[in-house]
Structures are given as structure tokens and as C-alpha cells.
């Protein structure tokens, strides 16, 4: 039996699907469809004041590497300021967490989820934009419409003030 080797997957600097998700800009670098569901990697730009609200996902690991800028990571276990060069892992199991950019500069993150699936959620709720462009964050009415979609992808969303 012949050993079949898969070729490398290259995503160029302008490639990948770019979406506005809750006012942030996410570019899917590689999806679960390309990794057999093992993982997905997303390039994230978080504008000043941006970032997702409190949420949990017990079925996968989510990690962030801060390429530039700074985010405040909040969770049931406490708060942490992650600056350039920091790495954050939200382990599988469902800890409620969120992150916010409390600075006046765009934060640039590299996010990996394992196994994949979160990128499918983003593709379903996101709006296509150019990388570096930001759409307005959704209002409360729009956020309510996201709830059933989030649950479909193993996410649980919490009120904005859930973590205090």
C-alpha cells in the first residue's frame, strides 16, 4: 500500500475568509474542513472597546497568542492582562470567559481551537468585510438572535455583566 502524503496548506496574507463577528474582524486561516476537524486557526483584530462577551464552550480548547496590542482576559478564575507576546489557553471544560481590548489601539491575536468548529459558528453569524475593516457591534436584539446559533456550535453565552 502506497503512503499518501498531503501537501502543505499555505494561506497567503490576503487569503482566507474575513468576517466581522461582534464588531471584531476575524480571518479564517485554516478551517476544520482542511484539518480533518483537528483544529482551526483564526487571525483576529480586536478594535478598542472590542471583544466577545462572556461565554463558555466545554467541548474544545481555545488559545490566543497576542501578536500586538493588549487584551484583558476575564474568567471565573480571575482576570489577566495579556500583552504582546502573551499566550492564553482556555482549556476544554467550559470555564466562562471573555476578553476585551481596553486600550486605544487595535489588538492583533492568533486564535487556535481544537478540535475545530468555532470557525463554523463565526462563518454562520459573521458578515464579510475586508481584513482591517470593522463593522459596528451587534445591538442586544441582534445578540438574542445569535443565542440559538451559538448553542448549535456548543457555545453558551452569558449576560455582559456575568463576570462582574
Protein backbone atom coordinates (compact mmCIF):
# COMPACT_ATOMS: atom_id res chain seq x y z
CA UNK A 1 0.00 0.00 0.00
CA UNK A 2 1.35 3.38 -1.00
CA UNK A 3 1.86 6.04 1.67
CA UNK A 4 -0.02 9.18 0.51
CA UNK A 5 1.42 12.42 1.82
CA UNK A 6 -0.72 15.53 1.96
CA UNK A 7 0.87 18.72 0.65
CA UNK A 8 1.38 21.78 2.88
CA UNK A 9 -1.53 24.21 3.09
CA UNK A 10 -0.49 27.82 2.55
CA UNK A 11 -2.74 30.77 3.36
CA UNK A 12 -1.33 34.00 1.95
CA UNK A 13 -1.56 37.38 3.68
CA UNK A 14 -4.71 38.32 1.73
CA UNK A 15 -6.27 34.82 1.70
CA UNK A 16 -8.85 33.28 3.97
CA UNK A 17 -12.43 34.22 4.67
CA UNK A 18 -12.64 37.55 6.57
CA UNK A 19 -15.67 38.29 8.71
CA UNK A 20 -16.96 40.86 11.14
CA UNK A 21 -18.02 38.99 14.28
CA UNK A 22 -19.46 41.00 17.22
CA UNK A 23 -17.62 44.07 15.90
CA UNK A 24 -14.22 42.35 15.67
CA UNK A 25 -12.59 41.21 12.42
CA UNK A 26 -11.70 37.52 12.07
CA UNK A 27 -9.86 35.91 9.15
CA UNK A 28 -10.12 32.13 8.95
CA UNK A 29 -6.58 30.97 8.17
CA UNK A 30 -7.38 27.26 8.20
CA UNK A 31 -10.67 25.56 8.95
CA UNK A 32 -11.59 22.16 10.26
CA UNK A 33 -12.51 21.13 6.73
CA UNK A 34 -8.81 21.42 5.87
CA UNK A 35 -7.52 19.70 9.04
CA UNK A 36 -9.95 16.81 9.27
CA UNK A 37 -11.60 18.55 12.23
CA UNK A 38 -8.41 18.54 14.31
CA UNK A 39 -8.16 22.32 14.69
CA UNK A 40 -8.88 25.71 13.15
CA UNK A 41 -6.78 28.89 13.28
CA UNK A 42 -8.21 32.40 13.12
CA UNK A 43 -6.39 35.73 12.74
CA UNK A 44 -8.25 38.27 14.92
CA UNK A 45 -8.25 42.07 15.00
CA UNK A 46 -9.93 43.47 18.11
CA UNK A 47 -10.69 47.21 17.95
CA UNK A 48 -10.56 49.48 21.01
CA UNK A 49 -13.51 48.50 23.21
CA UNK A 50 -13.97 45.25 21.26
CA UNK A 51 -14.02 41.61 22.20
CA UNK A 52 -16.69 38.97 22.81
CA UNK A 53 -18.94 38.91 25.86
CA UNK A 54 -18.84 36.17 28.49
CA UNK A 55 -19.21 32.71 27.01
CA UNK A 56 -18.23 29.08 27.60
CA UNK A 57 -17.54 26.08 25.39
CA UNK A 58 -16.91 22.80 27.19
CA UNK A 59 -16.06 20.80 24.06
CA UNK A 60 -12.84 22.40 22.83
CA UNK A 61 -9.62 24.18 23.76
CA UNK A 62 -9.23 27.80 22.65
CA UNK A 63 -5.86 29.51 22.65
CA UNK A 64 -4.73 33.04 21.86
CA UNK A 65 -1.31 34.39 21.05
CA UNK A 66 -1.13 38.20 21.27
CA UNK A 67 0.77 39.35 18.18
CA UNK A 68 0.33 43.03 19.00
CA UNK A 69 -1.58 45.18 21.45
CA UNK A 70 -3.19 44.07 24.67
CA UNK A 71 -6.38 42.38 25.87
CA UNK A 72 -7.91 41.88 29.27
CA UNK A 73 -8.88 38.22 29.70
CA UNK A 74 -11.60 37.67 32.29
CA UNK A 75 -12.80 34.32 33.58
CA UNK A 76 -14.37 32.67 36.58
CA UNK A 77 -10.78 32.07 37.76
CA UNK A 78 -9.80 35.76 37.67
CA UNK A 79 -8.52 38.46 35.33
CA UNK A 80 -5.29 38.73 33.39
CA UNK A 81 -3.84 41.40 31.13
CA UNK A 82 -2.28 39.73 28.09
CA UNK A 83 0.17 41.96 26.21
CA UNK A 84 2.25 41.43 23.09
CA UNK A 85 3.91 38.01 23.19
CA UNK A 86 1.46 36.56 25.74
CA UNK A 87 -0.22 33.20 25.24
CA UNK A 88 -3.61 32.33 26.76
CA UNK A 89 -5.24 28.89 26.85
CA UNK A 90 -8.91 28.47 27.70
CA UNK A 91 -8.96 24.73 28.38
CA UNK A 92 -11.75 22.46 27.36
CA UNK A 93 -14.28 22.05 30.17
CA UNK A 94 -16.45 25.14 29.97
CA UNK A 95 -14.95 27.90 32.14
CA UNK A 96 -16.87 31.13 31.49
CA UNK A 97 -14.54 33.71 29.95
CA UNK A 98 -14.30 36.75 27.72
CA UNK A 99 -11.69 39.21 26.56
CA UNK A 100 -11.74 42.92 25.84
CA UNK A 101 -9.45 45.46 24.30
CA UNK A 102 -9.37 48.27 26.88
CA UNK A 103 -6.72 50.28 25.02
CA UNK A 104 -6.93 52.85 22.23
CA UNK A 105 -5.05 50.57 19.75
CA UNK A 106 -6.19 47.56 17.75
CA UNK A 107 -5.15 44.26 19.33
CA UNK A 108 -3.97 41.50 16.97
CA UNK A 109 -4.44 37.88 18.10
CA UNK A 110 -3.84 34.45 16.65
CA UNK A 111 -6.53 32.05 17.88
CA UNK A 112 -6.45 28.26 17.57
CA UNK A 113 -9.32 25.98 18.56
CA UNK A 114 -9.02 22.20 18.93
CA UNK A 115 -10.98 20.42 17.76
CA UNK A 116 -12.35 22.73 15.10
CA UNK A 117 -15.91 24.03 14.89
CA UNK A 118 -15.77 27.55 16.30
CA UNK A 119 -14.87 28.88 12.86
CA UNK A 120 -18.13 27.40 11.53
CA UNK A 121 -20.03 29.43 14.15
CA UNK A 122 -18.16 32.57 13.06
CA UNK A 123 -18.95 31.86 9.40
CA UNK A 124 -22.64 31.48 10.20
CA UNK A 125 -23.02 34.68 12.25
CA UNK A 126 -20.32 36.85 10.64
CA UNK A 127 -20.60 39.45 7.90
CA UNK A 128 -17.94 39.54 5.15
CA UNK A 129 -15.54 42.51 5.46
CA UNK A 130 -12.05 43.40 4.28
CA UNK A 131 -9.30 42.50 6.75
CA UNK A 132 -8.70 45.59 8.86
CA UNK A 133 -12.25 46.92 8.42
CA UNK A 134 -14.64 46.86 11.35
CA UNK A 135 -18.43 46.73 11.37
CA UNK A 136 -20.50 48.04 14.26
CA UNK A 137 -21.02 45.53 17.07
CA UNK A 138 -24.49 43.98 17.22
CA UNK A 139 -27.18 45.51 19.41
CA UNK A 140 -28.98 43.47 22.10
CA UNK A 141 -31.72 42.40 19.66
CA UNK A 142 -29.14 41.01 17.22
CA UNK A 143 -27.29 39.27 20.07
CA UNK A 144 -30.50 37.47 21.07
CA UNK A 145 -30.70 36.03 17.55
CA UNK A 146 -27.17 34.64 17.95
CA UNK A 147 -28.09 32.56 21.04
CA UNK A 148 -29.58 29.53 19.24
CA UNK A 149 -26.76 29.56 16.68
CA UNK A 150 -24.18 29.63 19.49
CA UNK A 151 -25.82 26.64 21.17
CA UNK A 152 -25.77 24.74 17.86
CA UNK A 153 -21.96 25.05 17.94
CA UNK A 154 -21.50 24.09 21.60
CA UNK A 155 -21.31 27.63 22.99
CA UNK A 156 -23.18 29.08 25.92
CA UNK A 157 -23.50 32.88 26.06
CA UNK A 158 -23.87 34.83 29.31
CA UNK A 159 -25.04 38.38 30.09
CA UNK A 160 -22.41 41.15 29.62
CA UNK A 161 -22.11 41.68 33.40
CA UNK A 162 -21.80 37.95 34.24
CA UNK A 163 -18.15 38.18 35.28
CA UNK A 164 -18.65 41.37 37.25
